[in-house]
Every structure is written in C-alpha cells, then in structure tokens.
Amino acid sequence: MRNRIAHAYWTVDDDVVWAAVDEHAPELHRVLAEEITAARAVLD
C-alpha cells in the first residue's frame, strides 16, 4: 500500500485506505506498545 500511495497517489481510493487504517490501527498500536515496553526494559 505504501508504494501505491507514494508513487500512484492519484489512483488511491481514500475510503479503502481509511478502512484499512480503521481496521488495523488498534492491533498495530497494541503490538508496537508491547515492543516499545520490551525495548525499554532491555535498555534500562
């Protein structure tokens, strides 16, 4: 999706992008928060 948005942005359907973000952002946030917490534990 990144390649399409970066190089062919005029063909991107904003509703499709928003649907993907809306569906997957909460899980991505959870996973990243866990990774950040683990990394901080190693660095501390």
N, C-alpha and C. Protein backbone atom coordinates (compact mmCIF):
# COMPACT_ATOMS: atom_id res chain seq x y z
N MET A 1 0.83 -1.19 0.00
CA MET A 1 0.00 0.00 0.00
C MET A 1 0.88 1.26 0.00
N ARG A 2 1.98 1.22 0.72
CA ARG A 2 2.85 2.39 0.78
C ARG A 2 3.34 2.78 -0.61
N ASN A 3 3.76 1.79 -1.38
CA ASN A 3 4.26 2.07 -2.72
C ASN A 3 3.19 2.71 -3.59
N ARG A 4 1.99 2.22 -3.49
CA ARG A 4 0.88 2.77 -4.29
C ARG A 4 0.59 4.21 -3.88
N ILE A 5 0.57 4.46 -2.59
CA ILE A 5 0.28 5.81 -2.11
C ILE A 5 1.41 6.77 -2.50
N ALA A 6 2.65 6.30 -2.40
CA ALA A 6 3.79 7.17 -2.69
C ALA A 6 3.97 7.44 -4.17
N HIS A 7 3.66 6.46 -5.02
CA HIS A 7 4.00 6.59 -6.43
C HIS A 7 2.80 6.70 -7.37
N ALA A 8 1.63 6.38 -6.89
CA ALA A 8 0.44 6.46 -7.73
C ALA A 8 -0.73 7.02 -6.93
N TYR A 9 -0.45 8.06 -6.17
CA TYR A 9 -1.44 8.58 -5.23
C TYR A 9 -2.73 9.03 -5.90
N TRP A 10 -2.67 9.39 -7.16
CA TRP A 10 -3.88 9.82 -7.86
C TRP A 10 -4.86 8.67 -8.10
N THR A 11 -4.40 7.42 -7.91
CA THR A 11 -5.28 6.27 -8.11
C THR A 11 -5.77 5.68 -6.80
N VAL A 12 -5.40 6.27 -5.68
CA VAL A 12 -5.73 5.73 -4.36
C VAL A 12 -7.15 6.13 -3.97
N ASP A 13 -7.90 5.16 -3.52
CA ASP A 13 -9.25 5.39 -3.02
C ASP A 13 -9.14 5.67 -1.51
N ASP A 14 -9.40 6.90 -1.12
CA ASP A 14 -9.27 7.29 0.28
C ASP A 14 -10.11 6.43 1.22
N ASP A 15 -11.28 6.02 0.77
CA ASP A 15 -12.15 5.19 1.61
C ASP A 15 -11.52 3.83 1.89
N VAL A 16 -10.82 3.27 0.91
CA VAL A 16 -10.15 1.99 1.11
C VAL A 16 -9.00 2.13 2.10
N VAL A 17 -8.22 3.20 1.93
CA VAL A 17 -7.11 3.45 2.85
C VAL A 17 -7.64 3.64 4.27
N TRP A 18 -8.67 4.45 4.41
CA TRP A 18 -9.21 4.71 5.74
C TRP A 18 -9.78 3.42 6.36
N ALA A 19 -10.42 2.59 5.59
CA ALA A 19 -10.97 1.33 6.10
C ALA A 19 -9.84 0.44 6.62
N ALA A 20 -8.73 0.39 5.90
CA ALA A 20 -7.58 -0.41 6.34
C ALA A 20 -7.00 0.14 7.64
N VAL A 21 -6.85 1.45 7.71
CA VAL A 21 -6.33 2.07 8.93
C VAL A 21 -7.28 1.83 10.09
N ASP A 22 -8.55 2.05 9.86
CA ASP A 22 -9.55 1.90 10.91
C ASP A 22 -9.59 0.47 11.45
N GLU A 23 -9.40 -0.49 10.56
CA GLU A 23 -9.46 -1.89 10.98
C GLU A 23 -8.18 -2.35 11.65
N HIS A 24 -7.04 -1.91 11.18
CA HIS A 24 -5.77 -2.48 11.63
C HIS A 24 -5.00 -1.62 12.62
N ALA A 25 -5.31 -0.36 12.75
CA ALA A 25 -4.55 0.53 13.64
C ALA A 25 -4.60 0.09 15.10
N PRO A 26 -5.73 -0.34 15.65
CA PRO A 26 -5.72 -0.73 17.06
C PRO A 26 -4.77 -1.91 17.35
N GLU A 27 -4.73 -2.89 16.47
CA GLU A 27 -3.82 -4.02 16.65
C GLU A 27 -2.37 -3.58 16.50
N LEU A 28 -2.10 -2.74 15.52
CA LEU A 28 -0.75 -2.23 15.32
C LEU A 28 -0.30 -1.45 16.56
N HIS A 29 -1.17 -0.65 17.10
CA HIS A 29 -0.85 0.11 18.31
C HIS A 29 -0.51 -0.83 19.47
N ARG A 30 -1.30 -1.87 19.64
CA ARG A 30 -1.06 -2.82 20.73
C ARG A 30 0.30 -3.49 20.57
N VAL A 31 0.60 -3.96 19.37
CA VAL A 31 1.86 -4.66 19.12
C VAL A 31 3.05 -3.72 19.31
N LEU A 32 2.94 -2.51 18.78
CA LEU A 32 4.04 -1.56 18.93
C LEU A 32 4.24 -1.16 20.38
N ALA A 33 3.18 -1.00 21.13
CA ALA A 33 3.30 -0.65 22.54
C ALA A 33 4.03 -1.75 23.30
N GLU A 34 3.73 -3.02 22.99
CA GLU A 34 4.43 -4.14 23.62
C GLU A 34 5.91 -4.14 23.26
N GLU A 35 6.22 -3.88 22.00
CA GLU A 35 7.61 -3.86 21.55
C GLU A 35 8.39 -2.71 22.20
N ILE A 36 7.76 -1.57 22.32
CA ILE A 36 8.41 -0.43 22.96
C ILE A 36 8.67 -0.71 24.43
N THR A 37 7.71 -1.31 25.10
CA THR A 37 7.89 -1.66 26.50
C THR A 37 9.03 -2.65 26.67
N ALA A 38 9.10 -3.65 25.81
CA ALA A 38 10.18 -4.65 25.88
C ALA A 38 11.53 -4.00 25.61
N ALA A 39 11.59 -3.13 24.64
CA ALA A 39 12.86 -2.45 24.33
C ALA A 39 13.31 -1.57 25.47
N ARG A 40 12.38 -0.87 26.09
CA ARG A 40 12.75 -0.03 27.24
C ARG A 40 13.27 -0.86 28.40
N ALA A 41 12.69 -2.05 28.61
CA ALA A 41 13.13 -2.93 29.68
C ALA A 41 14.57 -3.38 29.44
N VAL A 42 14.92 -3.63 28.21
CA VAL A 42 16.29 -4.04 27.88
C VAL A 42 17.25 -2.88 28.06
N LEU A 43 16.83 -1.70 27.68
CA LEU A 43 17.72 -0.53 27.76
C LEU A 43 17.91 0.00 29.17
N ASP A 44 16.95 -0.25 30.02
CA ASP A 44 17.03 0.27 31.41
C ASP A 44 17.91 -0.55 32.29
